[in-house]
């Protein structure tokens, strides 16, 4: 083997919220779904939209706009749900992330990704893995495991458990 180090390239699924482009490591993405009927679960935070029936399993859906403090908008033909897998207290949890639209899968080398900028104390940047660039646009690369607190992920897991019969019966 030569002394040349193999260039590592990571793949990311890009999506939009408002006019911003975000990305998730493709390894955490299971699939992308068209918007479907979401069954509301009582007494959950506004960003927790409810659960969907995914092949007989209730999967909690989080509105990423509301989670990031953006205004809620009407769904469009492009609105979709990205099914992701995150680890909660050592246990894998499947979540749906409601986004404005999915763009494409892009490849970025680690050198092309800058660390998250320091924004001061008012904005939490722990969930931003880094900033990439695609054409002339910045891409905010999210660490999906850090977007939600452990409490929120536990709530999502519990909502999925409670909502199973409701979601399955509703569809």
C-alpha atoms as a PDB file:
ATOM      1  CA  UNK A   1       0.000   0.000   0.000  1.00  0.00           C
ATOM      2  CA  UNK A   2       1.364   3.407  -0.872  1.00  0.00           C
ATOM      3  CA  UNK A   3       1.734   6.140   1.738  1.00  0.00           C
ATOM      4  CA  UNK A   4      -1.225   7.951   0.197  1.00  0.00           C
ATOM      5  CA  UNK A   5      -4.151   8.472   2.547  1.00  0.00           C
ATOM      6  CA  UNK A   6      -7.509   7.647   1.028  1.00  0.00           C
ATOM      7  CA  UNK A   7      -9.751  10.708   0.864  1.00  0.00           C
ATOM      8  CA  UNK A   8     -12.845  10.138   2.956  1.00  0.00           C
ATOM      9  CA  UNK A   9     -16.061  11.437   1.457  1.00  0.00           C
ATOM     10  CA  UNK A  10     -19.268  11.639   3.411  1.00  0.00           C
ATOM     11  CA  UNK A  11     -22.730  11.633   1.880  1.00  0.00           C
ATOM     12  CA  UNK A  12     -25.450  13.947   3.151  1.00  0.00           C
ATOM     13  CA  UNK A  13     -29.144  14.266   2.389  1.00  0.00           C
ATOM     14  CA  UNK A  14     -29.930  17.954   1.881  1.00  0.00           C
ATOM     15  CA  UNK A  15     -33.303  19.490   2.684  1.00  0.00           C
ATOM     16  CA  UNK A  16     -34.825  22.935   3.097  1.00  0.00           C
ATOM     17  CA  UNK A  17     -36.554  24.800   5.906  1.00  0.00           C
ATOM     18  CA  UNK A  18     -37.649  28.317   4.936  1.00  0.00           C
ATOM     19  CA  UNK A  19     -34.832  29.528   2.654  1.00  0.00           C
ATOM     20  CA  UNK A  20     -32.049  27.614   4.401  1.00  0.00           C
ATOM     21  CA  UNK A  21     -30.394  24.384   3.286  1.00  0.00           C
ATOM     22  CA  UNK A  22     -29.701  21.738   5.919  1.00  0.00           C
ATOM     23  CA  UNK A  23     -28.094  18.314   5.657  1.00  0.00           C
ATOM     24  CA  UNK A  24     -28.138  15.034   7.551  1.00  0.00           C
ATOM     25  CA  UNK A  25     -25.511  12.318   7.379  1.00  0.00           C
ATOM     26  CA  UNK A  26     -26.992   9.722   5.036  1.00  0.00           C
ATOM     27  CA  UNK A  27     -26.115   7.024   7.596  1.00  0.00           C
ATOM     28  CA  UNK A  28     -28.854   8.291   9.937  1.00  0.00           C
ATOM     29  CA  UNK A  29     -31.512   8.475   7.189  1.00  0.00           C
ATOM     30  CA  UNK A  30     -33.716   5.437   6.632  1.00  0.00           C
ATOM     31  CA  UNK A  31     -36.077   6.777   3.967  1.00  0.00           C
ATOM     32  CA  UNK A  32     -37.992   9.796   2.692  1.00  0.00           C
ATOM     33  CA  UNK A  33     -41.792   9.750   2.635  1.00  0.00           C
ATOM     34  CA  UNK A  34     -44.421  11.936   1.052  1.00  0.00           C
ATOM     35  CA  UNK A  35     -46.495  13.815   3.608  1.00  0.00           C
ATOM     36  CA  UNK A  36     -49.091  11.484   5.078  1.00  0.00           C
ATOM     37  CA  UNK A  37     -51.782  11.665   7.748  1.00  0.00           C
ATOM     38  CA  UNK A  38     -50.255  12.564  11.136  1.00  0.00           C
ATOM     39  CA  UNK A  39     -52.226  11.545  14.244  1.00  0.00           C
ATOM     40  CA  UNK A  40     -51.867  14.172  16.994  1.00  0.00           C
ATOM     41  CA  UNK A  41     -50.834  12.955  20.451  1.00  0.00           C
ATOM     42  CA  UNK A  42     -52.357  15.010  23.299  1.00  0.00           C
ATOM     43  CA  UNK A  43     -50.134  16.858  25.784  1.00  0.00           C
ATOM     44  CA  UNK A  44     -47.012  16.971  23.636  1.00  0.00           C
ATOM     45  CA  UNK A  45     -45.022  20.111  22.711  1.00  0.00           C
ATOM     46  CA  UNK A  46     -46.109  21.964  19.528  1.00  0.00           C
ATOM     47  CA  UNK A  47     -43.064  20.762  17.544  1.00  0.00           C
ATOM     48  CA  UNK A  48     -44.155  17.154  18.189  1.00  0.00           C
ATOM     49  CA  UNK A  49     -46.720  16.876  15.402  1.00  0.00           C
ATOM     50  CA  UNK A  50     -47.881  13.352  16.292  1.00  0.00           C
ATOM     51  CA  UNK A  51     -47.300   9.882  14.872  1.00  0.00           C
ATOM     52  CA  UNK A  52     -47.590   8.232  11.480  1.00  0.00           C
ATOM     53  CA  UNK A  53     -48.261   4.620  10.640  1.00  0.00           C
ATOM     54  CA  UNK A  54     -45.124   3.279   9.004  1.00  0.00           C
ATOM     55  CA  UNK A  55     -45.769  -0.327   7.988  1.00  0.00           C
ATOM     56  CA  UNK A  56     -47.724  -1.033  11.171  1.00  0.00           C
ATOM     57  CA  UNK A  57     -45.388   0.889  13.502  1.00  0.00           C
ATOM     58  CA  UNK A  58     -46.171   4.277  15.039  1.00  0.00           C
ATOM     59  CA  UNK A  59     -43.335   6.683  14.254  1.00  0.00           C
ATOM     60  CA  UNK A  60     -43.276  10.081  16.002  1.00  0.00           C
ATOM     61  CA  UNK A  61     -43.015  13.082  13.672  1.00  0.00           C
ATOM     62  CA  UNK A  62     -41.254  16.317  14.625  1.00  0.00           C
ATOM     63  CA  UNK A  63     -41.900  19.569  12.748  1.00  0.00           C
ATOM     64  CA  UNK A  64     -38.349  20.799  12.150  1.00  0.00           C
ATOM     65  CA  UNK A  65     -39.588  24.349  11.449  1.00  0.00           C
ATOM     66  CA  UNK A  66     -41.156  24.589  14.903  1.00  0.00           C
ATOM     67  CA  UNK A  67     -38.188  22.855  16.534  1.00  0.00           C
ATOM     68  CA  UNK A  68     -35.886  25.543  15.108  1.00  0.00           C
ATOM     69  CA  UNK A  69     -38.198  28.432  15.988  1.00  0.00           C
ATOM     70  CA  UNK A  70     -39.373  29.090  12.425  1.00  0.00           C
ATOM     71  CA  UNK A  71     -43.012  29.951  11.681  1.00  0.00           C
ATOM     72  CA  UNK A  72     -45.377  27.138  10.786  1.00  0.00           C
ATOM     73  CA  UNK A  73     -46.477  27.120   7.137  1.00  0.00           C
ATOM     74  CA  UNK A  74     -49.051  25.266   5.080  1.00  0.00           C
ATOM     75  CA  UNK A  75     -47.808  21.999   3.619  1.00  0.00           C
ATOM     76  CA  UNK A  76     -46.985  21.987  -0.089  1.00  0.00           C
ATOM     77  CA  UNK A  77     -46.501  19.202  -2.639  1.00  0.00           C
ATOM     78  CA  UNK A  78     -42.805  19.285  -1.666  1.00  0.00           C
ATOM     79  CA  UNK A  79     -43.366  18.857   2.089  1.00  0.00           C
ATOM     80  CA  UNK A  80     -42.072  15.473   3.202  1.00  0.00           C
ATOM     81  CA  UNK A  81     -41.004  13.394   6.165  1.00  0.00           C
ATOM     82  CA  UNK A  82     -37.425  12.184   6.513  1.00  0.00           C
ATOM     83  CA  UNK A  83     -37.320   8.989   8.568  1.00  0.00           C
ATOM     84  CA  UNK A  84     -34.175   9.016  10.709  1.00  0.00           C
ATOM     85  CA  UNK A  85     -32.698   6.752  13.345  1.00  0.00           C
ATOM     86  CA  UNK A  86     -31.230   8.310  16.482  1.00  0.00           C
ATOM     87  CA  UNK A  87     -29.835   6.790  19.642  1.00  0.00           C
ATOM     88  CA  UNK A  88     -31.653   7.537  22.902  1.00  0.00           C
ATOM     89  CA  UNK A  89     -29.986   6.294  26.060  1.00  0.00           C
ATOM     90  CA  UNK A  90     -28.306   3.474  24.147  1.00  0.00           C
ATOM     91  CA  UNK A  91     -31.526   2.525  22.352  1.00  0.00           C
ATOM     92  CA  UNK A  92     -32.221   3.264  18.669  1.00  0.00           C
ATOM     93  CA  UNK A  93     -35.322   5.385  18.098  1.00  0.00           C
ATOM     94  CA  UNK A  94     -36.946   6.009  14.735  1.00  0.00           C
ATOM     95  CA  UNK A  95     -38.300   9.530  14.163  1.00  0.00           C
ATOM     96  CA  UNK A  96     -39.877  11.408  11.308  1.00  0.00           C
ATOM     97  CA  UNK A  97     -38.554  14.906  10.564  1.00  0.00           C
ATOM     98  CA  UNK A  98     -41.104  17.086   8.759  1.00  0.00           C
ATOM     99  CA  UNK A  99     -39.269  19.381   6.299  1.00  0.00           C
ATOM    100  CA  UNK A 100     -40.238  21.826   3.534  1.00  0.00           C
ATOM    101  CA  UNK A 101     -38.539  19.820   0.793  1.00  0.00           C
ATOM    102  CA  UNK A 102     -35.786  17.302   0.173  1.00  0.00           C
ATOM    103  CA  UNK A 103     -33.151  18.362  -2.360  1.00  0.00           C
ATOM    104  CA  UNK A 104     -30.542  15.703  -3.087  1.00  0.00           C
ATOM    105  CA  UNK A 105     -27.748  13.548  -1.730  1.00  0.00           C
ATOM    106  CA  UNK A 106     -24.417  15.360  -1.893  1.00  0.00           C
ATOM    107  CA  UNK A 107     -20.877  14.277  -1.161  1.00  0.00           C
ATOM    108  CA  UNK A 108     -18.545  16.425   0.921  1.00  0.00           C
ATOM    109  CA  UNK A 109     -15.021  15.717   2.064  1.00  0.00           C
ATOM    110  CA  UNK A 110     -14.158  16.506   5.699  1.00  0.00           C
ATOM    111  CA  UNK A 111     -11.910  19.346   4.449  1.00  0.00           C
ATOM    112  CA  UNK A 112     -14.930  20.996   2.781  1.00  0.00           C
ATOM    113  CA  UNK A 113     -16.763  21.212   6.121  1.00  0.00           C
ATOM    114  CA  UNK A 114     -15.986  24.046   8.501  1.00  0.00           C
ATOM    115  CA  UNK A 115     -16.790  23.919  12.213  1.00  0.00           C
ATOM    116  CA  UNK A 116     -20.048  25.514  13.347  1.00  0.00           C
ATOM    117  CA  UNK A 117     -19.580  29.256  13.794  1.00  0.00           C
ATOM    118  CA  UNK A 118     -19.680  30.735  17.287  1.00  0.00           C
ATOM    119  CA  UNK A 119     -22.912  32.691  17.577  1.00  0.00           C
ATOM    120  CA  UNK A 120     -22.708  33.885  21.161  1.00  0.00           C
ATOM    121  CA  UNK A 121     -24.647  32.462  24.054  1.00  0.00           C
ATOM    122  CA  UNK A 122     -28.211  32.921  22.795  1.00  0.00           C
ATOM    123  CA  UNK A 123     -28.029  30.386  19.950  1.00  0.00           C
ATOM    124  CA  UNK A 124     -27.316  26.735  20.649  1.00  0.00           C
ATOM    125  CA  UNK A 125     -24.926  25.434  17.977  1.00  0.00           C
ATOM    126  CA  UNK A 126     -24.207  22.053  19.618  1.00  0.00           C
ATOM    127  CA  UNK A 127     -26.492  20.309  17.125  1.00  0.00           C
ATOM    128  CA  UNK A 128     -24.615  21.740  14.132  1.00  0.00           C
ATOM    129  CA  UNK A 129     -21.894  19.335  13.011  1.00  0.00           C
ATOM    130  CA  UNK A 130     -20.482  21.900  10.602  1.00  0.00           C
ATOM    131  CA  UNK A 131     -21.017  24.186   7.642  1.00  0.00           C
ATOM    132  CA  UNK A 132     -20.553  22.866   4.140  1.00  0.00           C
ATOM    133  CA  UNK A 133     -20.845  24.593   0.808  1.00  0.00           C
ATOM    134  CA  UNK A 134     -22.900  23.524  -2.179  1.00  0.00           C
ATOM    135  CA  UNK A 135     -22.604  25.700  -5.258  1.00  0.00           C
ATOM    136  CA  UNK A 136     -22.877  29.206  -3.794  1.00  0.00           C
ATOM    137  CA  UNK A 137     -24.999  28.197  -0.782  1.00  0.00           C
ATOM    138  CA  UNK A 138     -24.001  27.309   2.745  1.00  0.00           C
ATOM    139  CA  UNK A 139     -25.327  23.972   3.981  1.00  0.00           C
ATOM    140  CA  UNK A 140     -25.911  23.570   7.713  1.00  0.00           C
ATOM    141  CA  UNK A 141     -24.928  20.000   8.568  1.00  0.00           C
ATOM    142  CA  UNK A 142     -26.959  18.778  11.524  1.00  0.00           C
ATOM    143  CA  UNK A 143     -26.029  16.181  14.104  1.00  0.00           C
ATOM    144  CA  UNK A 144     -29.516  14.658  14.376  1.00  0.00           C
ATOM    145  CA  UNK A 145     -28.629  12.958  17.665  1.00  0.00           C
ATOM    146  CA  UNK A 146     -28.012  16.382  19.249  1.00  0.00           C
ATOM    147  CA  UNK A 147     -30.938  18.293  17.702  1.00  0.00           C
ATOM    148  CA  UNK A 148     -33.191  16.884  20.401  1.00  0.00           C
ATOM    149  CA  UNK A 149     -32.537  16.707  24.106  1.00  0.00           C
ATOM    150  CA  UNK A 150     -32.646  13.306  25.811  1.00  0.00           C
ATOM    151  CA  UNK A 151     -36.006  14.312  27.338  1.00  0.00           C
ATOM    152  CA  UNK A 152     -37.446  15.208  23.931  1.00  0.00           C
ATOM    153  CA  UNK A 153     -36.223  11.955  22.423  1.00  0.00           C
ATOM    154  CA  UNK A 154     -37.678   9.985  25.326  1.00  0.00           C
ATOM    155  CA  UNK A 155     -40.952  11.872  24.796  1.00  0.00           C
ATOM    156  CA  UNK A 156     -40.868  10.953  21.094  1.00  0.00           C
ATOM    157  CA  UNK A 157     -40.178   7.323  21.922  1.00  0.00           C
ATOM    158  CA  UNK A 158     -43.040   7.310  24.439  1.00  0.00           C
ATOM    159  CA  UNK A 159     -45.358   9.094  21.973  1.00  0.00           C
ATOM    160  CA  UNK A 160     -44.576   6.394  19.442  1.00  0.00           C
ATOM    161  CA  UNK A 161     -45.453   3.729  21.993  1.00  0.00           C
ATOM    162  CA  UNK A 162     -48.696   5.393  23.127  1.00  0.00           C
ATOM    163  CA  UNK A 163     -49.775   6.290  19.641  1.00  0.00           C
ATOM    164  CA  UNK A 164     -49.406   2.826  18.109  1.00  0.00           C
ATOM    165  CA  UNK A 165     -53.021   1.750  18.434  1.00  0.00           C
ATOM    166  CA  UNK A 166     -54.379   5.219  17.652  1.00  0.00           C
ATOM    167  CA  UNK A 167     -52.264   5.538  14.493  1.00  0.00           C
ATOM    168  CA  UNK A 168     -52.963   2.030  13.293  1.00  0.00           C
ATOM    169  CA  UNK A 169     -56.685   2.355  13.971  1.00  0.00           C
ATOM    170  CA  UNK A 170     -56.859   5.805  12.374  1.00  0.00           C
ATOM    171  CA  UNK A 171     -55.590   4.532   9.020  1.00  0.00           C
END
